[in-house]
Amino acid sequence: MKQPVRVAVTGAAGQIGYSLLFRIASGEMLGKDQPVILQLLEVPFEKAQQALQGVIMELDDCAFPLLAGVIGTDDP
């Protein structure tokens, strides 16, 4: 298998970012043989960070085979 590619998504807990994450993690964006590490960036407000943690839990629950890691942060 290939080395994982790191993909940064800003506004990851927002509607557009959220809809992209699952497509990226499933292999629709980079191919069905390309593992990814999602680097999720969200604004440094408590509500946004809580929403981001929820998104990370959802991604973990899906158990995408190509998802090599998820990192959520407010520090670019």
PDB file of N, CA and C in Angstrom:
ATOM      1  N   MET A   1       0.844  -1.182   0.000  1.00  0.00           N
ATOM      2  CA  MET A   1       0.000   0.000   0.000  1.00  0.00           C
ATOM      3  C   MET A   1       0.890   1.247   0.000  1.00  0.00           C
ATOM      4  N   LYS A   2       0.367   2.314  -0.525  1.00  0.00           N
ATOM      5  CA  LYS A   2       1.107   3.572  -0.615  1.00  0.00           C
ATOM      6  C   LYS A   2       1.274   4.222   0.754  1.00  0.00           C
ATOM      7  N   GLN A   3       2.193   5.174   0.814  1.00  0.00           N
ATOM      8  CA  GLN A   3       2.352   5.996   2.016  1.00  0.00           C
ATOM      9  C   GLN A   3       1.139   6.925   2.138  1.00  0.00           C
ATOM     10  N   PRO A   4       0.670   7.193   3.364  1.00  0.00           N
ATOM     11  CA  PRO A   4      -0.470   8.100   3.534  1.00  0.00           C
ATOM     12  C   PRO A   4      -0.137   9.525   3.096  1.00  0.00           C
ATOM     13  N   VAL A   5      -1.131  10.173   2.529  1.00  0.00           N
ATOM     14  CA  VAL A   5      -1.039  11.573   2.139  1.00  0.00           C
ATOM     15  C   VAL A   5      -1.775  12.390   3.192  1.00  0.00           C
ATOM     16  N   ARG A   6      -1.178  13.498   3.610  1.00  0.00           N
ATOM     17  CA  ARG A   6      -1.816  14.375   4.593  1.00  0.00           C
ATOM     18  C   ARG A   6      -2.686  15.391   3.851  1.00  0.00           C
ATOM     19  N   VAL A   7      -3.963  15.455   4.218  1.00  0.00           N
ATOM     20  CA  VAL A   7      -4.909  16.378   3.598  1.00  0.00           C
ATOM     21  C   VAL A   7      -5.419  17.323   4.678  1.00  0.00           C
ATOM     22  N   ALA A   8      -5.197  18.619   4.489  1.00  0.00           N
ATOM     23  CA  ALA A   8      -5.677  19.625   5.441  1.00  0.00           C
ATOM     24  C   ALA A   8      -7.034  20.139   4.989  1.00  0.00           C
ATOM     25  N   VAL A   9      -7.963  20.219   5.931  1.00  0.00           N
ATOM     26  CA  VAL A   9      -9.298  20.752   5.654  1.00  0.00           C
ATOM     27  C   VAL A   9      -9.573  21.845   6.674  1.00  0.00           C
ATOM     28  N   THR A  10      -9.772  23.066   6.192  1.00  0.00           N
ATOM     29  CA  THR A  10     -10.108  24.171   7.092  1.00  0.00           C
ATOM     30  C   THR A  10     -11.620  24.259   7.223  1.00  0.00           C
ATOM     31  N   GLY A  11     -12.070  24.715   8.373  1.00  0.00           N
ATOM     32  CA  GLY A  11     -13.512  24.780   8.619  1.00  0.00           C
ATOM     33  C   GLY A  11     -14.119  23.390   8.621  1.00  0.00           C
ATOM     34  N   ALA A  12     -13.406  22.445   9.188  1.00  0.00           N
ATOM     35  CA  ALA A  12     -13.778  21.033   9.096  1.00  0.00           C
ATOM     36  C   ALA A  12     -15.099  20.698   9.781  1.00  0.00           C
ATOM     37  N   ALA A  13     -15.509  21.474  10.764  1.00  0.00           N
ATOM     38  CA  ALA A  13     -16.768  21.202  11.449  1.00  0.00           C
ATOM     39  C   ALA A  13     -17.936  21.941  10.804  1.00  0.00           C
ATOM     40  N   GLY A  14     -17.655  22.739   9.792  1.00  0.00           N
ATOM     41  CA  GLY A  14     -18.713  23.439   9.062  1.00  0.00           C
ATOM     42  C   GLY A  14     -19.382  22.515   8.063  1.00  0.00           C
ATOM     43  N   GLN A  15     -20.438  22.995   7.440  1.00  0.00           N
ATOM     44  CA  GLN A  15     -21.230  22.156   6.540  1.00  0.00           C
ATOM     45  C   GLN A  15     -20.440  21.677   5.329  1.00  0.00           C
ATOM     46  N   ILE A  16     -19.676  22.558   4.716  1.00  0.00           N
ATOM     47  CA  ILE A  16     -18.933  22.179   3.514  1.00  0.00           C
ATOM     48  C   ILE A  16     -17.781  21.241   3.873  1.00  0.00           C
ATOM     49  N   GLY A  17     -17.001  21.617   4.888  1.00  0.00           N
ATOM     50  CA  GLY A  17     -15.895  20.765   5.310  1.00  0.00           C
ATOM     51  C   GLY A  17     -16.367  19.383   5.732  1.00  0.00           C
ATOM     52  N   TYR A  18     -17.452  19.350   6.483  1.00  0.00           N
ATOM     53  CA  TYR A  18     -18.014  18.087   6.967  1.00  0.00           C
ATOM     54  C   TYR A  18     -18.374  17.170   5.804  1.00  0.00           C
ATOM     55  N   SER A  19     -19.014  17.744   4.780  1.00  0.00           N
ATOM     56  CA  SER A  19     -19.433  16.911   3.650  1.00  0.00           C
ATOM     57  C   SER A  19     -18.240  16.388   2.849  1.00  0.00           C
ATOM     58  N   LEU A  20     -17.144  17.130   2.848  1.00  0.00           N
ATOM     59  CA  LEU A  20     -15.952  16.685   2.118  1.00  0.00           C
ATOM     60  C   LEU A  20     -15.201  15.570   2.836  1.00  0.00           C
ATOM     61  N   LEU A  21     -15.180  15.616   4.156  1.00  0.00           N
ATOM     62  CA  LEU A  21     -14.343  14.693   4.931  1.00  0.00           C
ATOM     63  C   LEU A  21     -14.633  13.227   4.643  1.00  0.00           C
ATOM     64  N   PHE A  22     -15.892  12.881   4.564  1.00  0.00           N
ATOM     65  CA  PHE A  22     -16.260  11.480   4.382  1.00  0.00           C
ATOM     66  C   PHE A  22     -15.930  11.000   2.969  1.00  0.00           C
ATOM     67  N   ARG A  23     -15.979  11.906   2.007  1.00  0.00           N
ATOM     68  CA  ARG A  23     -15.589  11.544   0.636  1.00  0.00           C
ATOM     69  C   ARG A  23     -14.078  11.348   0.538  1.00  0.00           C
ATOM     70  N   ILE A  24     -13.350  12.214   1.209  1.00  0.00           N
ATOM     71  CA  ILE A  24     -11.890  12.071   1.205  1.00  0.00           C
ATOM     72  C   ILE A  24     -11.494  10.760   1.891  1.00  0.00           C
ATOM     73  N   ALA A  25     -12.080  10.509   3.064  1.00  0.00           N
ATOM     74  CA  ALA A  25     -11.728   9.317   3.844  1.00  0.00           C
ATOM     75  C   ALA A  25     -12.113   8.016   3.141  1.00  0.00           C
ATOM     76  N   SER A  26     -13.144   8.053   2.310  1.00  0.00           N
ATOM     77  CA  SER A  26     -13.588   6.834   1.625  1.00  0.00           C
ATOM     78  C   SER A  26     -12.783   6.527   0.370  1.00  0.00           C
ATOM     79  N   GLY A  27     -11.962   7.474  -0.068  1.00  0.00           N
ATOM     80  CA  GLY A  27     -11.145   7.246  -1.250  1.00  0.00           C
ATOM     81  C   GLY A  27     -11.696   7.868  -2.516  1.00  0.00           C
ATOM     82  N   GLU A  28     -12.807   8.593  -2.417  1.00  0.00           N
ATOM     83  CA  GLU A  28     -13.400   9.208  -3.604  1.00  0.00           C
ATOM     84  C   GLU A  28     -12.533  10.318  -4.185  1.00  0.00           C
ATOM     85  N   MET A  29     -11.734  10.978  -3.364  1.00  0.00           N
ATOM     86  CA  MET A  29     -10.946  12.103  -3.861  1.00  0.00           C
ATOM     87  C   MET A  29      -9.600  11.670  -4.445  1.00  0.00           C
ATOM     88  N   LEU A  30      -8.871  10.841  -3.731  1.00  0.00           N
ATOM     89  CA  LEU A  30      -7.504  10.496  -4.142  1.00  0.00           C
ATOM     90  C   LEU A  30      -7.357   9.077  -4.676  1.00  0.00           C
ATOM     91  N   GLY A  31      -8.416   8.318  -4.658  1.00  0.00           N
ATOM     92  CA  GLY A  31      -8.361   6.955  -5.174  1.00  0.00           C
ATOM     93  C   GLY A  31      -8.523   5.909  -4.088  1.00  0.00           C
ATOM     94  N   LYS A  32      -8.955   4.747  -4.494  1.00  0.00           N
ATOM     95  CA  LYS A  32      -9.266   3.657  -3.565  1.00  0.00           C
ATOM     96  C   LYS A  32      -8.031   2.933  -3.030  1.00  0.00           C
ATOM     97  N   ASP A  33      -6.844   3.382  -3.443  1.00  0.00           N
ATOM     98  CA  ASP A  33      -5.619   2.751  -2.942  1.00  0.00           C
ATOM     99  C   ASP A  33      -4.697   3.749  -2.249  1.00  0.00           C
ATOM    100  N   GLN A  34      -5.225   4.950  -1.945  1.00  0.00           N
ATOM    101  CA  GLN A  34      -4.396   5.995  -1.340  1.00  0.00           C
ATOM    102  C   GLN A  34      -4.834   6.282   0.092  1.00  0.00           C
ATOM    103  N   PRO A  35      -4.070   5.829   1.090  1.00  0.00           N
ATOM    104  CA  PRO A  35      -4.388   6.160   2.480  1.00  0.00           C
ATOM    105  C   PRO A  35      -4.217   7.661   2.729  1.00  0.00           C
ATOM    106  N   VAL A  36      -4.986   8.182   3.673  1.00  0.00           N
ATOM    107  CA  VAL A  36      -4.926   9.608   3.993  1.00  0.00           C
ATOM    108  C   VAL A  36      -4.851   9.826   5.499  1.00  0.00           C
ATOM    109  N   ILE A  37      -4.223  10.921   5.858  1.00  0.00           N
ATOM    110  CA  ILE A  37      -4.261  11.445   7.220  1.00  0.00           C
ATOM    111  C   ILE A  37      -4.981  12.778   7.111  1.00  0.00           C
ATOM    112  N   LEU A  38      -6.081  12.920   7.816  1.00  0.00           N
ATOM    113  CA  LEU A  38      -6.838  14.165   7.772  1.00  0.00           C
ATOM    114  C   LEU A  38      -6.349  15.112   8.860  1.00  0.00           C
ATOM    115  N   GLN A  39      -5.947  16.282   8.462  1.00  0.00           N
ATOM    116  CA  GLN A  39      -5.525  17.345   9.375  1.00  0.00           C
ATOM    117  C   GLN A  39      -6.664  18.366   9.366  1.00  0.00           C
ATOM    118  N   LEU A  40      -7.447  18.405  10.433  1.00  0.00           N
ATOM    119  CA  LEU A  40      -8.657  19.218  10.480  1.00  0.00           C
ATOM    120  C   LEU A  40      -8.417  20.488  11.280  1.00  0.00           C
ATOM    121  N   LEU A  41      -8.690  21.617  10.663  1.00  0.00           N
ATOM    122  CA  LEU A  41      -8.469  22.914  11.292  1.00  0.00           C
ATOM    123  C   LEU A  41      -9.805  23.611  11.508  1.00  0.00           C
ATOM    124  N   GLU A  42     -10.010  24.099  12.719  1.00  0.00           N
ATOM    125  CA  GLU A  42     -11.237  24.827  13.052  1.00  0.00           C
ATOM    126  C   GLU A  42     -10.871  26.019  13.923  1.00  0.00           C
ATOM    127  N   VAL A  43     -11.744  27.012  13.945  1.00  0.00           N
ATOM    128  CA  VAL A  43     -11.487  28.233  14.711  1.00  0.00           C
ATOM    129  C   VAL A  43     -11.376  27.916  16.204  1.00  0.00           C
ATOM    130  N   PRO A  44     -10.619  28.736  16.957  1.00  0.00           N
ATOM    131  CA  PRO A  44     -10.365  28.430  18.374  1.00  0.00           C
ATOM    132  C   PRO A  44     -11.477  28.887  19.323  1.00  0.00           C
ATOM    133  N   PHE A  45     -12.698  28.492  19.034  1.00  0.00           N
ATOM    134  CA  PHE A  45     -13.824  28.775  19.918  1.00  0.00           C
ATOM    135  C   PHE A  45     -14.353  27.454  20.451  1.00  0.00           C
ATOM    136  N   GLU A  46     -14.813  27.479  21.696  1.00  0.00           N
ATOM    137  CA  GLU A  46     -15.201  26.238  22.362  1.00  0.00           C
ATOM    138  C   GLU A  46     -16.255  25.449  21.583  1.00  0.00           C
ATOM    139  N   LYS A  47     -17.297  26.125  21.089  1.00  0.00           N
ATOM    140  CA  LYS A  47     -18.357  25.412  20.363  1.00  0.00           C
ATOM    141  C   LYS A  47     -17.823  24.770  19.090  1.00  0.00           C
ATOM    142  N   ALA A  48     -16.963  25.486  18.385  1.00  0.00           N
ATOM    143  CA  ALA A  48     -16.394  24.943  17.146  1.00  0.00           C
ATOM    144  C   ALA A  48     -15.499  23.748  17.449  1.00  0.00           C
ATOM    145  N   GLN A  49     -14.722  23.830  18.511  1.00  0.00           N
ATOM    146  CA  GLN A  49     -13.834  22.729  18.878  1.00  0.00           C
ATOM    147  C   GLN A  49     -14.628  21.503  19.344  1.00  0.00           C
ATOM    148  N   GLN A  50     -15.741  21.735  20.034  1.00  0.00           N
ATOM    149  CA  GLN A  50     -16.599  20.618  20.437  1.00  0.00           C
ATOM    150  C   GLN A  50     -17.206  19.942  19.212  1.00  0.00           C
ATOM    151  N   ALA A  51     -17.640  20.754  18.252  1.00  0.00           N
ATOM    152  CA  ALA A  51     -18.186  20.199  17.012  1.00  0.00           C
ATOM    153  C   ALA A  51     -17.116  19.403  16.272  1.00  0.00           C
ATOM    154  N   LEU A  52     -15.896  19.910  16.266  1.00  0.00           N
ATOM    155  CA  LEU A  52     -14.789  19.218  15.600  1.00  0.00           C
ATOM    156  C   LEU A  52     -14.524  17.862  16.256  1.00  0.00           C
ATOM    157  N   GLN A  53     -14.564  17.804  17.571  1.00  0.00           N
ATOM    158  CA  GLN A  53     -14.369  16.525  18.267  1.00  0.00           C
ATOM    159  C   GLN A  53     -15.468  15.530  17.895  1.00  0.00           C
ATOM    160  N   GLY A  54     -16.683  16.031  17.719  1.00  0.00           N
ATOM    161  CA  GLY A  54     -17.784  15.168  17.277  1.00  0.00           C
ATOM    162  C   GLY A  54     -17.551  14.616  15.881  1.00  0.00           C
ATOM    163  N   VAL A  55     -17.052  15.455  14.992  1.00  0.00           N
ATOM    164  CA  VAL A  55     -16.740  15.021  13.627  1.00  0.00           C
ATOM    165  C   VAL A  55     -15.651  13.947  13.652  1.00  0.00           C
ATOM    166  N   ILE A  56     -14.641  14.148  14.470  1.00  0.00           N
ATOM    167  CA  ILE A  56     -13.558  13.162  14.583  1.00  0.00           C
ATOM    168  C   ILE A  56     -14.105  11.823  15.084  1.00  0.00           C
ATOM    169  N   MET A  57     -15.011  11.855  16.051  1.00  0.00           N
ATOM    170  CA  MET A  57     -15.609  10.619  16.552  1.00  0.00           C
ATOM    171  C   MET A  57     -16.416   9.917  15.461  1.00  0.00           C
ATOM    172  N   GLU A  58     -17.140  10.696  14.650  1.00  0.00           N
ATOM    173  CA  GLU A  58     -17.905  10.101  13.553  1.00  0.00           C
ATOM    174  C   GLU A  58     -16.984   9.427  12.541  1.00  0.00           C
ATOM    175  N   LEU A  59     -15.888  10.086  12.203  1.00  0.00           N
ATOM    176  CA  LEU A  59     -14.932   9.494  11.266  1.00  0.00           C
ATOM    177  C   LEU A  59     -14.346   8.204  11.827  1.00  0.00           C
ATOM    178  N   ASP A  60     -14.023   8.203  13.106  1.00  0.00           N
ATOM    179  CA  ASP A  60     -13.500   6.991  13.747  1.00  0.00           C
ATOM    180  C   ASP A  60     -14.535   5.867  13.720  1.00  0.00           C
ATOM    181  N   ASP A  61     -15.795   6.211  13.973  1.00  0.00           N
ATOM    182  CA  ASP A  61     -16.863   5.212  13.981  1.00  0.00           C
ATOM    183  C   ASP A  61     -17.047   4.555  12.616  1.00  0.00           C
ATOM    184  N   CYS A  62     -16.777   5.297  11.553  1.00  0.00           N
ATOM    185  CA  CYS A  62     -16.951   4.755  10.197  1.00  0.00           C
ATOM    186  C   CYS A  62     -15.895   3.712   9.848  1.00  0.00           C
ATOM    187  N   ALA A  63     -14.765   3.736  10.514  1.00  0.00           N
ATOM    188  CA  ALA A  63     -13.683   2.763  10.290  1.00  0.00           C
ATOM    189  C   ALA A  63     -13.297   2.656   8.813  1.00  0.00           C
ATOM    190  N   PHE A  64     -13.059   3.800   8.184  1.00  0.00           N
ATOM    191  CA  PHE A  64     -12.620   3.798   6.789  1.00  0.00           C
ATOM    192  C   PHE A  64     -11.256   3.119   6.700  1.00  0.00           C
ATOM    193  N   PRO A  65     -11.100   2.130   5.824  1.00  0.00           N
ATOM    194  CA  PRO A  65      -9.809   1.436   5.741  1.00  0.00           C
ATOM    195  C   PRO A  65      -8.671   2.329   5.251  1.00  0.00           C
ATOM    196  N   LEU A  66      -8.985   3.379   4.506  1.00  0.00           N
ATOM    197  CA  LEU A  66      -7.944   4.270   3.980  1.00  0.00           C
ATOM    198  C   LEU A  66      -7.592   5.406   4.930  1.00  0.00           C
ATOM    199  N   LEU A  67      -8.337   5.544   6.008  1.00  0.00           N
ATOM    200  CA  LEU A  67      -8.095   6.640   6.946  1.00  0.00           C
ATOM    201  C   LEU A  67      -6.992   6.229   7.923  1.00  0.00           C
ATOM    202  N   ALA A  68      -5.795   6.747   7.681  1.00  0.00           N
ATOM    203  CA  ALA A  68      -4.629   6.377   8.489  1.00  0.00           C
ATOM    204  C   ALA A  68      -4.511   7.198   9.764  1.00  0.00           C
ATOM    205  N   GLY A  69      -5.235   8.310   9.847  1.00  0.00           N
ATOM    206  CA  GLY A  69      -5.175   9.139  11.040  1.00  0.00           C
ATOM    207  C   GLY A  69      -6.016  10.386  10.892  1.00  0.00           C
ATOM    208  N   VAL A  70      -6.407  10.947  12.034  1.00  0.00           N
ATOM    209  CA  VAL A  70      -7.174  12.192  12.061  1.00  0.00           C
ATOM    210  C   VAL A  70      -6.588  13.066  13.155  1.00  0.00           C
ATOM    211  N   ILE A  71      -6.283  14.302  12.803  1.00  0.00           N
ATOM    212  CA  ILE A  71      -5.750  15.265  13.761  1.00  0.00           C
ATOM    213  C   ILE A  71      -6.635  16.495  13.703  1.00  0.00           C
ATOM    214  N   GLY A  72      -7.199  16.881  14.831  1.00  0.00           N
ATOM    215  CA  GLY A  72      -8.019  18.085  14.909  1.00  0.00           C
ATOM    216  C   GLY A  72      -7.296  19.152  15.700  1.00  0.00           C
ATOM    217  N   THR A  73      -7.288  20.377  15.184  1.00  0.00           N
ATOM    218  CA  THR A  73      -6.545  21.447  15.844  1.00  0.00           C
ATOM    219  C   THR A  73      -7.149  22.810  15.541  1.00  0.00           C
ATOM    220  N   ASP A  74      -6.748  23.794  16.355  1.00  0.00           N
ATOM    221  CA  ASP A  74      -7.095  25.191  16.077  1.00  0.00           C
ATOM    222  C   ASP A  74      -5.831  26.000  15.796  1.00  0.00           C
ATOM    223  N   ASP A  75      -4.706  25.304  15.705  1.00  0.00           N
ATOM    224  CA  ASP A  75      -3.416  25.952  15.484  1.00  0.00           C
ATOM    225  C   ASP A  75      -2.884  25.593  14.094  1.00  0.00           C
ATOM    226  N   PRO A  76      -2.899  26.557  13.172  1.00  0.00           N
ATOM    227  CA  PRO A  76      -2.450  26.249  11.813  1.00  0.00           C
ATOM    228  C   PRO A  76      -0.959  26.002  11.785  1.00  0.00           C
TER     229      PRO A  76
END
